[in-house]
Amino acid sequence: MDQTDLRNEILVDLYKAYFLSESNPNLKKLAEEQGWEKTLFWNLVERMKSEGLIENAAMGGFYRITARGVIHAEETGIAPVELVNTNQNARTKILLGLARVYEEQGSLYTVQNSTLYGEAAIGPIQATANLLVLRALGYAEGSGNAGSKLTLRGLEAVEEYRKNTSVVDEFETISTMSPQPRGRALQKLIAKVVNRHGWDQNEGVKTSNEEMDVIVFREREYYLLESKWEKDPIEASVIRELFGKLGNRIDVRGIVASMSGFTEGAVKQVHDYTGQRIILLFGSEDVKSLVYGKATFDELLNAKYKALVTKRMVEFS
């Protein structure tokens, strides 16, 4: 077993124990049972401690995962999916419960932890662990005897969650529209999401002989955005039309988002234009990643741009 596998196994064991058990694992005993090389194992444990992923729980080799370790295990996908979903759902319900009291009764009002556990709809051990994670992350704080309050950071997290939820609801509504208005509505929604990721946008930018639907920009980086939600994959003609529009602008790149994908001809057309103008393609999974918060606009943009410029590969999913 290499260091990465060993590291992940330690984190997963501590993750499961933190949420499902009343006791902390004994890593010394675990290492002996598995026959792991001692020096390698304990060097790795010390490195994980220095990274803030785990911490000592008691003398004799007992350890527990930290809040940072919890988030790391969840975001990297190494923790059990069902358990992760339950925990994330529980933390959301706890935060929403704290936010409701905050908004209805004021910032000084304390919510009993038992009430929060009831809203989370899970057992007390798992609920307590998730509340402790929220406290360690600065979203909640202890108050009074077995009570909790929402922090300003927690309020910001709730507001962000509500914004993301509204985007998802809007996306679901758009999916029921007919093709033409659906594509235009999707374009506005993508622009809204991109704006929340730190990019500005101008909608309905016009010239004397054409209408430019949406331009997203940050500092000197500009992209003309076009979105399609049709039955069939997008043809090369759409790429050629966009290329013509880009030709009337100085240093403006293009983005085409399509929920129905792209034909081979469309992909080839993007490839052929690479030496003249950059056009990036966003497929249905790319769009859903933006809408459901699985990836930021910058992450997707950077990956596509790098693949096109360095490898001349047109990537979309």
C-alpha atoms as a PDB file:
ATOM      1  CA  MET A   1       0.000   0.000   0.000  1.00  0.00           C
ATOM      2  CA  ASP A   2       1.448   3.377  -1.026  1.00  0.00           C
ATOM      3  CA  GLN A   3       1.290   6.529   1.095  1.00  0.00           C
ATOM      4  CA  THR A   4      -1.758   7.927  -0.672  1.00  0.00           C
ATOM      5  CA  ASP A   5      -3.780   4.762  -0.085  1.00  0.00           C
ATOM      6  CA  LEU A   6      -2.614   4.572   3.516  1.00  0.00           C
ATOM      7  CA  ARG A   7      -3.457   8.243   4.076  1.00  0.00           C
ATOM      8  CA  ASN A   8      -6.942   7.737   2.647  1.00  0.00           C
ATOM      9  CA  GLU A   9      -7.568   4.634   4.720  1.00  0.00           C
ATOM     10  CA  ILE A  10      -6.646   6.491   7.913  1.00  0.00           C
ATOM     11  CA  LEU A  11      -8.944   9.390   7.016  1.00  0.00           C
ATOM     12  CA  VAL A  12     -11.859   7.133   6.108  1.00  0.00           C
ATOM     13  CA  ASP A  13     -11.515   5.114   9.331  1.00  0.00           C
ATOM     14  CA  LEU A  14     -11.438   8.305  11.401  1.00  0.00           C
ATOM     15  CA  TYR A  15     -14.295   9.835   9.389  1.00  0.00           C
ATOM     16  CA  LYS A  16     -16.606   6.886   9.969  1.00  0.00           C
ATOM     17  CA  ALA A  17     -15.688   6.647  13.646  1.00  0.00           C
ATOM     18  CA  TYR A  18     -16.255  10.376  14.205  1.00  0.00           C
ATOM     19  CA  PHE A  19     -19.829  10.246  12.986  1.00  0.00           C
ATOM     20  CA  LEU A  20     -20.907   6.716  13.890  1.00  0.00           C
ATOM     21  CA  SER A  21     -19.069   5.756  17.073  1.00  0.00           C
ATOM     22  CA  GLU A  22     -18.743   7.032  20.612  1.00  0.00           C
ATOM     23  CA  SER A  23     -15.059   6.084  20.713  1.00  0.00           C
ATOM     24  CA  ASN A  24     -12.001   7.225  18.774  1.00  0.00           C
ATOM     25  CA  PRO A  25      -9.894   4.717  16.804  1.00  0.00           C
ATOM     26  CA  ASN A  26      -6.538   3.596  18.127  1.00  0.00           C
ATOM     27  CA  LEU A  27      -4.162   4.080  15.207  1.00  0.00           C
ATOM     28  CA  LYS A  28      -1.370   2.257  17.018  1.00  0.00           C
ATOM     29  CA  LYS A  29      -3.521  -0.858  17.257  1.00  0.00           C
ATOM     30  CA  LEU A  30      -4.708  -0.455  13.669  1.00  0.00           C
ATOM     31  CA  ALA A  31      -1.149  -0.200  12.364  1.00  0.00           C
ATOM     32  CA  GLU A  32      -0.163  -3.353  14.236  1.00  0.00           C
ATOM     33  CA  GLU A  33      -3.198  -5.290  12.971  1.00  0.00           C
ATOM     34  CA  GLN A  34      -2.547  -4.280   9.364  1.00  0.00           C
ATOM     35  CA  GLY A  35       1.195  -4.873   9.606  1.00  0.00           C
ATOM     36  CA  TRP A  36       2.117  -1.425   8.321  1.00  0.00           C
ATOM     37  CA  GLU A  37       5.760  -0.353   8.517  1.00  0.00           C
ATOM     38  CA  LYS A  38       6.025   1.686  11.719  1.00  0.00           C
ATOM     39  CA  THR A  39       8.332   4.510  10.640  1.00  0.00           C
ATOM     40  CA  LEU A  40       6.421   5.153   7.417  1.00  0.00           C
ATOM     41  CA  PHE A  41       3.080   4.996   9.226  1.00  0.00           C
ATOM     42  CA  TRP A  42       3.901   7.373  12.047  1.00  0.00           C
ATOM     43  CA  ASN A  43       5.696   9.830   9.765  1.00  0.00           C
ATOM     44  CA  LEU A  44       2.508   9.951   7.719  1.00  0.00           C
ATOM     45  CA  VAL A  45       0.376  10.438  10.832  1.00  0.00           C
ATOM     46  CA  GLU A  46       2.564  13.361  11.923  1.00  0.00           C
ATOM     47  CA  ARG A  47       2.306  14.894   8.452  1.00  0.00           C
ATOM     48  CA  MET A  48      -1.491  14.606   8.556  1.00  0.00           C
ATOM     49  CA  LYS A  49      -1.494  16.252  11.976  1.00  0.00           C
ATOM     50  CA  SER A  50       0.613  19.145  10.698  1.00  0.00           C
ATOM     51  CA  GLU A  51      -1.816  19.577   7.801  1.00  0.00           C
ATOM     52  CA  GLY A  52      -4.677  19.898  10.280  1.00  0.00           C
ATOM     53  CA  LEU A  53      -6.520  16.807   9.046  1.00  0.00           C
ATOM     54  CA  ILE A  54      -6.336  14.751  12.249  1.00  0.00           C
ATOM     55  CA  GLU A  55      -5.479  15.338  15.914  1.00  0.00           C
ATOM     56  CA  ASN A  56      -4.703  13.435  19.088  1.00  0.00           C
ATOM     57  CA  ALA A  57      -7.798  12.388  21.015  1.00  0.00           C
ATOM     58  CA  ALA A  58      -6.105  10.666  23.944  1.00  0.00           C
ATOM     59  CA  MET A  59      -2.841   9.085  25.009  1.00  0.00           C
ATOM     60  CA  GLY A  60      -1.917   5.676  23.674  1.00  0.00           C
ATOM     61  CA  GLY A  61      -2.484   6.243  19.949  1.00  0.00           C
ATOM     62  CA  PHE A  62      -6.100   7.447  19.920  1.00  0.00           C
ATOM     63  CA  TYR A  63      -6.885   9.983  17.171  1.00  0.00           C
ATOM     64  CA  ARG A  64      -9.863  11.771  15.662  1.00  0.00           C
ATOM     65  CA  ILE A  65     -10.492  13.598  12.441  1.00  0.00           C
ATOM     66  CA  THR A  66     -10.728  17.399  12.465  1.00  0.00           C
ATOM     67  CA  ALA A  67     -13.345  19.555  10.740  1.00  0.00           C
ATOM     68  CA  ARG A  68     -10.788  20.288   8.050  1.00  0.00           C
ATOM     69  CA  GLY A  69     -10.215  16.565   7.657  1.00  0.00           C
ATOM     70  CA  VAL A  70     -13.972  15.990   7.359  1.00  0.00           C
ATOM     71  CA  ILE A  71     -14.311  18.498   4.531  1.00  0.00           C
ATOM     72  CA  HIS A  72     -11.201  17.112   2.832  1.00  0.00           C
ATOM     73  CA  ALA A  73     -12.532  13.541   2.987  1.00  0.00           C
ATOM     74  CA  GLU A  74     -15.875  14.649   1.564  1.00  0.00           C
ATOM     75  CA  GLU A  75     -14.529  16.877  -1.201  1.00  0.00           C
ATOM     76  CA  THR A  76     -11.978  14.318  -2.412  1.00  0.00           C
ATOM     77  CA  GLY A  77     -14.635  11.606  -2.560  1.00  0.00           C
ATOM     78  CA  ILE A  78     -12.864   9.096  -0.329  1.00  0.00           C
ATOM     79  CA  ALA A  79     -15.534   8.968   2.393  1.00  0.00           C
ATOM     80  CA  PRO A  80     -18.594   6.683   1.947  1.00  0.00           C
ATOM     81  CA  VAL A  81     -21.054   8.485  -0.345  1.00  0.00           C
ATOM     82  CA  GLU A  82     -24.206   7.634   1.617  1.00  0.00           C
ATOM     83  CA  LEU A  83     -22.658   8.778   4.888  1.00  0.00           C
ATOM     84  CA  VAL A  84     -21.367  11.980   3.281  1.00  0.00           C
ATOM     85  CA  ASN A  85     -24.811  12.791   1.876  1.00  0.00           C
ATOM     86  CA  THR A  86     -26.415  12.219   5.262  1.00  0.00           C
ATOM     87  CA  ASN A  87     -23.866  14.443   7.009  1.00  0.00           C
ATOM     88  CA  GLN A  88     -24.063  17.269   4.489  1.00  0.00           C
ATOM     89  CA  ASN A  89     -27.849  17.175   4.595  1.00  0.00           C
ATOM     90  CA  ALA A  90     -27.764  17.235   8.407  1.00  0.00           C
ATOM     91  CA  ARG A  91     -25.412  20.231   8.514  1.00  0.00           C
ATOM     92  CA  THR A  92     -27.639  22.080   6.065  1.00  0.00           C
ATOM     93  CA  LYS A  93     -30.729  21.422   8.190  1.00  0.00           C
ATOM     94  CA  ILE A  94     -28.930  22.522  11.355  1.00  0.00           C
ATOM     95  CA  LEU A  95     -27.766  25.762   9.721  1.00  0.00           C
ATOM     96  CA  LEU A  96     -31.222  26.480   8.313  1.00  0.00           C
ATOM     97  CA  GLY A  97     -32.730  25.873  11.756  1.00  0.00           C
ATOM     98  CA  LEU A  98     -30.264  28.286  13.357  1.00  0.00           C
ATOM     99  CA  ALA A  99     -30.894  30.827  10.591  1.00  0.00           C
ATOM    100  CA  ARG A 100     -34.664  30.682  11.053  1.00  0.00           C
ATOM    101  CA  VAL A 101     -34.328  31.479  14.754  1.00  0.00           C
ATOM    102  CA  TYR A 102     -31.735  34.175  13.990  1.00  0.00           C
ATOM    103  CA  GLU A 103     -34.096  35.870  11.546  1.00  0.00           C
ATOM    104  CA  GLU A 104     -37.272  35.489  13.608  1.00  0.00           C
ATOM    105  CA  GLN A 105     -35.996  36.181  17.120  1.00  0.00           C
ATOM    106  CA  GLY A 106     -32.645  37.893  16.755  1.00  0.00           C
ATOM    107  CA  SER A 107     -28.941  37.123  16.935  1.00  0.00           C
ATOM    108  CA  LEU A 108     -28.870  36.718  20.714  1.00  0.00           C
ATOM    109  CA  TYR A 109     -31.405  33.913  20.866  1.00  0.00           C
ATOM    110  CA  THR A 110     -30.069  30.443  21.700  1.00  0.00           C
ATOM    111  CA  VAL A 111     -31.365  27.246  20.129  1.00  0.00           C
ATOM    112  CA  GLN A 112     -31.194  24.087  22.196  1.00  0.00           C
ATOM    113  CA  ASN A 113     -28.972  21.466  20.597  1.00  0.00           C
ATOM    114  CA  SER A 114     -31.658  18.820  21.095  1.00  0.00           C
ATOM    115  CA  THR A 115     -33.984  20.895  18.899  1.00  0.00           C
ATOM    116  CA  LEU A 116     -31.338  21.066  16.184  1.00  0.00           C
ATOM    117  CA  TYR A 117     -30.776  17.321  16.400  1.00  0.00           C
ATOM    118  CA  GLY A 118     -34.482  16.778  15.846  1.00  0.00           C
ATOM    119  CA  GLU A 119     -34.383  18.907  12.702  1.00  0.00           C
ATOM    120  CA  ALA A 120     -31.374  16.996  11.411  1.00  0.00           C
ATOM    121  CA  ALA A 121     -33.407  13.775  11.752  1.00  0.00           C
ATOM    122  CA  ILE A 122     -30.405  11.610  12.635  1.00  0.00           C
ATOM    123  CA  GLY A 123     -29.083  10.002  15.810  1.00  0.00           C
ATOM    124  CA  PRO A 124     -27.533  12.108  18.595  1.00  0.00           C
ATOM    125  CA  ILE A 125     -23.957  10.895  17.992  1.00  0.00           C
ATOM    126  CA  GLN A 126     -24.005  11.802  14.306  1.00  0.00           C
ATOM    127  CA  ALA A 127     -25.927  15.026  14.922  1.00  0.00           C
ATOM    128  CA  THR A 128     -23.504  16.145  17.636  1.00  0.00           C
ATOM    129  CA  ALA A 129     -20.539  15.421  15.392  1.00  0.00           C
ATOM    130  CA  ASN A 130     -21.996  17.526  12.577  1.00  0.00           C
ATOM    131  CA  LEU A 131     -22.780  20.401  14.922  1.00  0.00           C
ATOM    132  CA  LEU A 132     -19.181  20.287  16.168  1.00  0.00           C
ATOM    133  CA  VAL A 133     -17.981  20.460  12.551  1.00  0.00           C
ATOM    134  CA  LEU A 134     -20.113  23.571  12.002  1.00  0.00           C
ATOM    135  CA  ARG A 135     -18.681  25.151  15.138  1.00  0.00           C
ATOM    136  CA  ALA A 136     -15.105  24.322  14.142  1.00  0.00           C
ATOM    137  CA  LEU A 137     -15.716  25.874  10.717  1.00  0.00           C
ATOM    138  CA  GLY A 138     -17.009  29.038  12.363  1.00  0.00           C
ATOM    139  CA  TYR A 139     -20.618  28.702  11.183  1.00  0.00           C
ATOM    140  CA  ALA A 140     -22.088  28.187  14.651  1.00  0.00           C
ATOM    141  CA  GLU A 141     -21.031  28.760  18.255  1.00  0.00           C
ATOM    142  CA  GLY A 142     -21.957  27.288  21.588  1.00  0.00           C
ATOM    143  CA  SER A 143     -24.290  29.323  23.780  1.00  0.00           C
ATOM    144  CA  GLY A 144     -25.588  28.716  27.272  1.00  0.00           C
ATOM    145  CA  ASN A 145     -26.237  25.228  28.537  1.00  0.00           C
ATOM    146  CA  ALA A 146     -26.337  22.821  25.566  1.00  0.00           C
ATOM    147  CA  GLY A 147     -27.329  25.530  23.108  1.00  0.00           C
ATOM    148  CA  SER A 148     -26.022  27.019  19.877  1.00  0.00           C
ATOM    149  CA  LYS A 149     -26.237  30.238  17.868  1.00  0.00           C
ATOM    150  CA  LEU A 150     -25.588  31.170  14.259  1.00  0.00           C
ATOM    151  CA  THR A 151     -22.493  33.240  13.499  1.00  0.00           C
ATOM    152  CA  LEU A 152     -22.213  35.874  10.788  1.00  0.00           C
ATOM    153  CA  ARG A 153     -20.135  33.436   8.787  1.00  0.00           C
ATOM    154  CA  GLY A 154     -22.904  30.889   9.183  1.00  0.00           C
ATOM    155  CA  LEU A 155     -25.464  33.437   8.017  1.00  0.00           C
ATOM    156  CA  GLU A 156     -23.380  34.090   4.904  1.00  0.00           C
ATOM    157  CA  ALA A 157     -23.247  30.347   4.234  1.00  0.00           C
ATOM    158  CA  VAL A 158     -27.037  30.102   4.541  1.00  0.00           C
ATOM    159  CA  GLU A 159     -27.515  33.034   2.175  1.00  0.00           C
ATOM    160  CA  GLU A 160     -25.172  31.407  -0.353  1.00  0.00           C
ATOM    161  CA  TYR A 161     -27.073  28.120  -0.011  1.00  0.00           C
ATOM    162  CA  ARG A 162     -30.362  29.874  -0.688  1.00  0.00           C
ATOM    163  CA  LYS A 163     -28.914  31.565  -3.765  1.00  0.00           C
ATOM    164  CA  ASN A 164     -27.675  28.234  -5.105  1.00  0.00           C
ATOM    165  CA  THR A 165     -31.018  26.608  -4.373  1.00  0.00           C
ATOM    166  CA  SER A 166     -32.833  29.334  -6.291  1.00  0.00           C
ATOM    167  CA  VAL A 167     -30.504  28.758  -9.257  1.00  0.00           C
ATOM    168  CA  VAL A 168     -31.271  25.031  -9.221  1.00  0.00           C
ATOM    169  CA  ASP A 169     -35.021  25.722  -9.034  1.00  0.00           C
ATOM    170  CA  GLU A 170     -34.729  28.136 -11.961  1.00  0.00           C
ATOM    171  CA  PHE A 171     -32.787  25.560 -13.959  1.00  0.00           C
ATOM    172  CA  GLU A 172     -35.468  22.939 -13.347  1.00  0.00           C
ATOM    173  CA  THR A 173     -38.135  25.398 -14.471  1.00  0.00           C
ATOM    174  CA  ILE A 174     -36.205  26.229 -17.648  1.00  0.00           C
ATOM    175  CA  SER A 175     -35.995  22.531 -18.505  1.00  0.00           C
ATOM    176  CA  THR A 176     -39.789  22.457 -19.016  1.00  0.00           C
ATOM    177  CA  MET A 177     -39.803  25.280 -21.596  1.00  0.00           C
ATOM    178  CA  SER A 178     -39.899  24.920 -25.371  1.00  0.00           C
ATOM    179  CA  PRO A 179     -36.506  25.075 -27.173  1.00  0.00           C
ATOM    180  CA  GLN A 180     -36.250  28.720 -28.278  1.00  0.00           C
ATOM    181  CA  PRO A 181     -37.140  30.471 -25.001  1.00  0.00           C
ATOM    182  CA  ARG A 182     -35.354  27.680 -23.129  1.00  0.00           C
ATOM    183  CA  GLY A 183     -31.995  28.496 -24.717  1.00  0.00           C
ATOM    184  CA  ARG A 184     -32.326  32.218 -24.018  1.00  0.00           C
ATOM    185  CA  ALA A 185     -33.388  31.589 -20.416  1.00  0.00           C
ATOM    186  CA  LEU A 186     -30.450  29.214 -19.927  1.00  0.00           C
ATOM    187  CA  GLN A 187     -28.112  31.886 -21.243  1.00  0.00           C
ATOM    188  CA  LYS A 188     -29.335  34.363 -18.649  1.00  0.00           C
ATOM    189  CA  LEU A 189     -29.047  31.755 -15.901  1.00  0.00           C
ATOM    190  CA  ILE A 190     -25.457  30.865 -16.832  1.00  0.00           C
ATOM    191  CA  ALA A 191     -24.585  34.574 -16.866  1.00  0.00           C
ATOM    192  CA  LYS A 192     -26.094  34.896 -13.379  1.00  0.00           C
ATOM    193  CA  VAL A 193     -24.023  31.986 -12.057  1.00  0.00           C
ATOM    194  CA  VAL A 194     -20.854  33.303 -13.710  1.00  0.00           C
ATOM    195  CA  ASN A 195     -21.522  36.697 -12.131  1.00  0.00           C
ATOM    196  CA  ARG A 196     -21.615  35.067  -8.698  1.00  0.00           C
ATOM    197  CA  HIS A 197     -18.226  33.550  -9.463  1.00  0.00           C
ATOM    198  CA  GLY A 198     -16.677  36.993  -9.751  1.00  0.00           C
ATOM    199  CA  TRP A 199     -17.242  37.828 -13.421  1.00  0.00           C
ATOM    200  CA  ASP A 200     -19.166  40.837 -14.693  1.00  0.00           C
ATOM    201  CA  GLN A 201     -21.675  40.534 -17.490  1.00  0.00           C
ATOM    202  CA  ASN A 202     -23.426  42.758 -20.001  1.00  0.00           C
ATOM    203  CA  GLU A 203     -26.705  41.490 -21.383  1.00  0.00           C
ATOM    204  CA  GLY A 204     -28.128  42.578 -24.707  1.00  0.00           C
ATOM    205  CA  VAL A 205     -24.971  44.324 -25.950  1.00  0.00           C
ATOM    206  CA  LYS A 206     -25.774  45.676 -29.428  1.00  0.00           C
ATOM    207  CA  THR A 207     -23.966  47.087 -32.451  1.00  0.00           C
ATOM    208  CA  SER A 208     -25.439  48.715 -35.590  1.00  0.00           C
ATOM    209  CA  ASN A 209     -25.877  45.412 -37.422  1.00  0.00           C
ATOM    210  CA  GLU A 210     -26.103  42.673 -34.816  1.00  0.00           C
ATOM    211  CA  GLU A 211     -27.230  41.830 -31.297  1.00  0.00           C
ATOM    212  CA  MET A 212     -24.745  40.293 -28.870  1.00  0.00           C
ATOM    213  CA  ASP A 213     -26.699  38.469 -26.241  1.00  0.00           C
ATOM    214  CA  VAL A 214     -24.325  38.207 -23.300  1.00  0.00           C
ATOM    215  CA  ILE A 215     -20.685  39.164 -22.758  1.00  0.00           C
ATOM    216  CA  VAL A 216     -18.999  38.000 -19.559  1.00  0.00           C
ATOM    217  CA  PHE A 217     -15.763  39.665 -18.555  1.00  0.00           C
ATOM    218  CA  ARG A 218     -13.228  40.218 -15.820  1.00  0.00           C
ATOM    219  CA  GLU A 219     -10.627  42.944 -16.190  1.00  0.00           C
ATOM    220  CA  ARG A 220      -9.317  42.549 -19.784  1.00  0.00           C
ATOM    221  CA  GLU A 221     -10.650  39.024 -20.394  1.00  0.00           C
ATOM    222  CA  TYR A 222     -13.887  38.964 -22.431  1.00  0.00           C
ATOM    223  CA  TYR A 223     -16.105  36.082 -23.619  1.00  0.00           C
ATOM    224  CA  LEU A 224     -19.177  36.188 -25.825  1.00  0.00           C
ATOM    225  CA  LEU A 225     -21.595  33.624 -24.401  1.00  0.00           C
ATOM    226  CA  GLU A 226     -24.207  31.763 -26.424  1.00  0.00           C
ATOM    227  CA  SER A 227     -26.417  29.019 -24.990  1.00  0.00           C
ATOM    228  CA  LYS A 228     -28.531  26.392 -26.728  1.00  0.00           C
ATOM    229  CA  TRP A 229     -31.009  23.882 -25.340  1.00  0.00           C
ATOM    230  CA  GLU A 230     -32.267  22.017 -28.349  1.00  0.00           C
ATOM    231  CA  LYS A 231     -33.207  18.452 -29.200  1.00  0.00           C
ATOM    232  CA  ASP A 232     -30.219  17.657 -31.424  1.00  0.00           C
ATOM    233  CA  PRO A 233     -26.477  18.358 -31.043  1.00  0.00           C
ATOM    234  CA  ILE A 234     -25.279  21.771 -32.185  1.00  0.00           C
ATOM    235  CA  GLU A 235     -24.005  21.935 -35.770  1.00  0.00           C
ATOM    236  CA  ALA A 236     -20.885  23.639 -37.122  1.00  0.00           C
ATOM    237  CA  SER A 237     -23.008  26.517 -38.469  1.00  0.00           C
ATOM    238  CA  VAL A 238     -23.503  27.804 -34.908  1.00  0.00           C
ATOM    239  CA  ILE A 239     -19.731  27.902 -34.403  1.00  0.00           C
ATOM    240  CA  ARG A 240     -19.223  29.707 -37.719  1.00  0.00           C
ATOM    241  CA  GLU A 241     -21.855  32.301 -36.824  1.00  0.00           C
ATOM    242  CA  LEU A 242     -20.205  32.942 -33.467  1.00  0.00           C
ATOM    243  CA  PHE A 243     -16.793  33.192 -35.121  1.00  0.00           C
ATOM    244  CA  GLY A 244     -18.180  35.881 -37.423  1.00  0.00           C
ATOM    245  CA  LYS A 245     -19.400  37.890 -34.440  1.00  0.00           C
ATOM    246  CA  LEU A 246     -16.047  37.549 -32.699  1.00  0.00           C
ATOM    247  CA  GLY A 247     -14.338  38.936 -35.774  1.00  0.00           C
ATOM    248  CA  ASN A 248     -15.979  42.296 -35.103  1.00  0.00           C
ATOM    249  CA  ARG A 249     -14.406  42.525 -31.654  1.00  0.00           C
ATOM    250  CA  ILE A 250     -10.845  42.984 -30.460  1.00  0.00           C
ATOM    251  CA  ASP A 251      -9.505  40.079 -28.352  1.00  0.00           C
ATOM    252  CA  VAL A 252     -12.924  38.631 -27.477  1.00  0.00           C
ATOM    253  CA  ARG A 253     -13.237  34.861 -27.100  1.00  0.00           C
ATOM    254  CA  GLY A 254     -16.316  32.716 -27.403  1.00  0.00           C
ATOM    255  CA  ILE A 255     -18.250  30.237 -25.289  1.00  0.00           C
ATOM    256  CA  VAL A 256     -21.026  28.006 -26.601  1.00  0.00           C
ATOM    257  CA  ALA A 257     -23.051  26.084 -24.017  1.00  0.00           C
ATOM    258  CA  SER A 258     -25.267  23.304 -25.355  1.00  0.00           C
ATOM    259  CA  MET A 259     -27.460  20.954 -23.335  1.00  0.00           C
ATOM    260  CA  SER A 260     -27.702  18.642 -26.379  1.00  0.00           C
ATOM    261  CA  GLY A 261     -23.976  18.421 -27.063  1.00  0.00           C
ATOM    262  CA  PHE A 262     -22.094  19.110 -30.296  1.00  0.00           C
ATOM    263  CA  THR A 263     -21.656  17.325 -33.606  1.00  0.00           C
ATOM    264  CA  GLU A 264     -18.228  16.200 -34.795  1.00  0.00           C
ATOM    265  CA  GLY A 265     -18.409  18.983 -37.352  1.00  0.00           C
ATOM    266  CA  ALA A 266     -18.934  21.611 -34.666  1.00  0.00           C
ATOM    267  CA  VAL A 267     -15.979  20.307 -32.668  1.00  0.00           C
ATOM    268  CA  LYS A 268     -13.798  20.252 -35.791  1.00  0.00           C
ATOM    269  CA  GLN A 269     -14.834  23.824 -36.587  1.00  0.00           C
ATOM    270  CA  VAL A 270     -13.716  24.982 -33.135  1.00  0.00           C
ATOM    271  CA  HIS A 271     -10.433  23.156 -33.636  1.00  0.00           C
ATOM    272  CA  ASP A 272      -9.901  24.774 -37.046  1.00  0.00           C
ATOM    273  CA  TYR A 273     -10.513  28.268 -35.631  1.00  0.00           C
ATOM    274  CA  THR A 274      -8.059  27.852 -32.742  1.00  0.00           C
ATOM    275  CA  GLY A 275      -5.264  29.707 -34.508  1.00  0.00           C
ATOM    276  CA  GLN A 276      -7.537  32.707 -35.041  1.00  0.00           C
ATOM    277  CA  ARG A 277     -10.009  32.833 -32.153  1.00  0.00           C
ATOM    278  CA  ILE A 278     -10.550  30.817 -28.974  1.00  0.00           C
ATOM    279  CA  ILE A 279     -14.002  29.214 -28.711  1.00  0.00           C
ATOM    280  CA  LEU A 280     -14.735  26.990 -25.715  1.00  0.00           C
ATOM    281  CA  LEU A 281     -17.540  24.425 -25.537  1.00  0.00           C
ATOM    282  CA  PHE A 282     -19.662  23.678 -22.462  1.00  0.00           C
ATOM    283  CA  GLY A 283     -21.735  20.488 -22.594  1.00  0.00           C
ATOM    284  CA  SER A 284     -24.706  19.520 -20.442  1.00  0.00           C
ATOM    285  CA  GLU A 285     -22.569  18.112 -17.607  1.00  0.00           C
ATOM    286  CA  ASP A 286     -20.444  21.275 -17.592  1.00  0.00           C
ATOM    287  CA  VAL A 287     -23.592  23.392 -17.277  1.00  0.00           C
ATOM    288  CA  LYS A 288     -24.956  21.186 -14.503  1.00  0.00           C
ATOM    289  CA  SER A 289     -21.629  21.432 -12.669  1.00  0.00           C
ATOM    290  CA  LEU A 290     -22.047  25.215 -12.655  1.00  0.00           C
ATOM    291  CA  VAL A 291     -25.724  25.130 -11.673  1.00  0.00           C
ATOM    292  CA  TYR A 292     -25.351  22.549  -8.909  1.00  0.00           C
ATOM    293  CA  GLY A 293     -22.143  24.070  -7.550  1.00  0.00           C
ATOM    294  CA  LYS A 294     -19.875  21.131  -8.354  1.00  0.00           C
ATOM    295  CA  ALA A 295     -17.348  23.344 -10.156  1.00  0.00           C
ATOM    296  CA  THR A 296     -16.633  27.044 -10.504  1.00  0.00           C
ATOM    297  CA  PHE A 297     -16.627  28.894 -13.792  1.00  0.00           C
ATOM    298  CA  ASP A 298     -12.883  29.499 -13.456  1.00  0.00           C
ATOM    299  CA  GLU A 299     -12.144  25.802 -12.922  1.00  0.00           C
ATOM    300  CA  LEU A 300     -14.037  24.779 -16.045  1.00  0.00           C
ATOM    301  CA  LEU A 301     -12.726  27.692 -18.074  1.00  0.00           C
ATOM    302  CA  ASN A 302      -9.096  27.080 -17.141  1.00  0.00           C
ATOM    303  CA  ALA A 303      -9.270  23.355 -17.912  1.00  0.00           C
ATOM    304  CA  LYS A 304     -10.858  23.907 -21.322  1.00  0.00           C
ATOM    305  CA  TYR A 305      -8.561  26.787 -22.223  1.00  0.00           C
ATOM    306  CA  LYS A 306      -5.450  24.850 -21.242  1.00  0.00           C
ATOM    307  CA  ALA A 307      -6.512  21.770 -23.221  1.00  0.00           C
ATOM    308  CA  LEU A 308      -7.244  23.835 -26.324  1.00  0.00           C
ATOM    309  CA  VAL A 309      -4.113  25.981 -26.229  1.00  0.00           C
ATOM    310  CA  THR A 310      -1.525  23.414 -25.122  1.00  0.00           C
ATOM    311  CA  LYS A 311      -2.934  20.208 -26.667  1.00  0.00           C
ATOM    312  CA  ARG A 312      -5.310  21.568 -29.317  1.00  0.00           C
ATOM    313  CA  MET A 313      -8.028  19.454 -27.723  1.00  0.00           C
ATOM    314  CA  VAL A 314     -11.644  20.598 -27.604  1.00  0.00           C
ATOM    315  CA  GLU A 315     -12.999  19.401 -24.267  1.00  0.00           C
ATOM    316  CA  PHE A 316     -16.602  19.379 -23.048  1.00  0.00           C
ATOM    317  CA  SER A 317     -18.810  17.022 -21.091  1.00  0.00           C
END
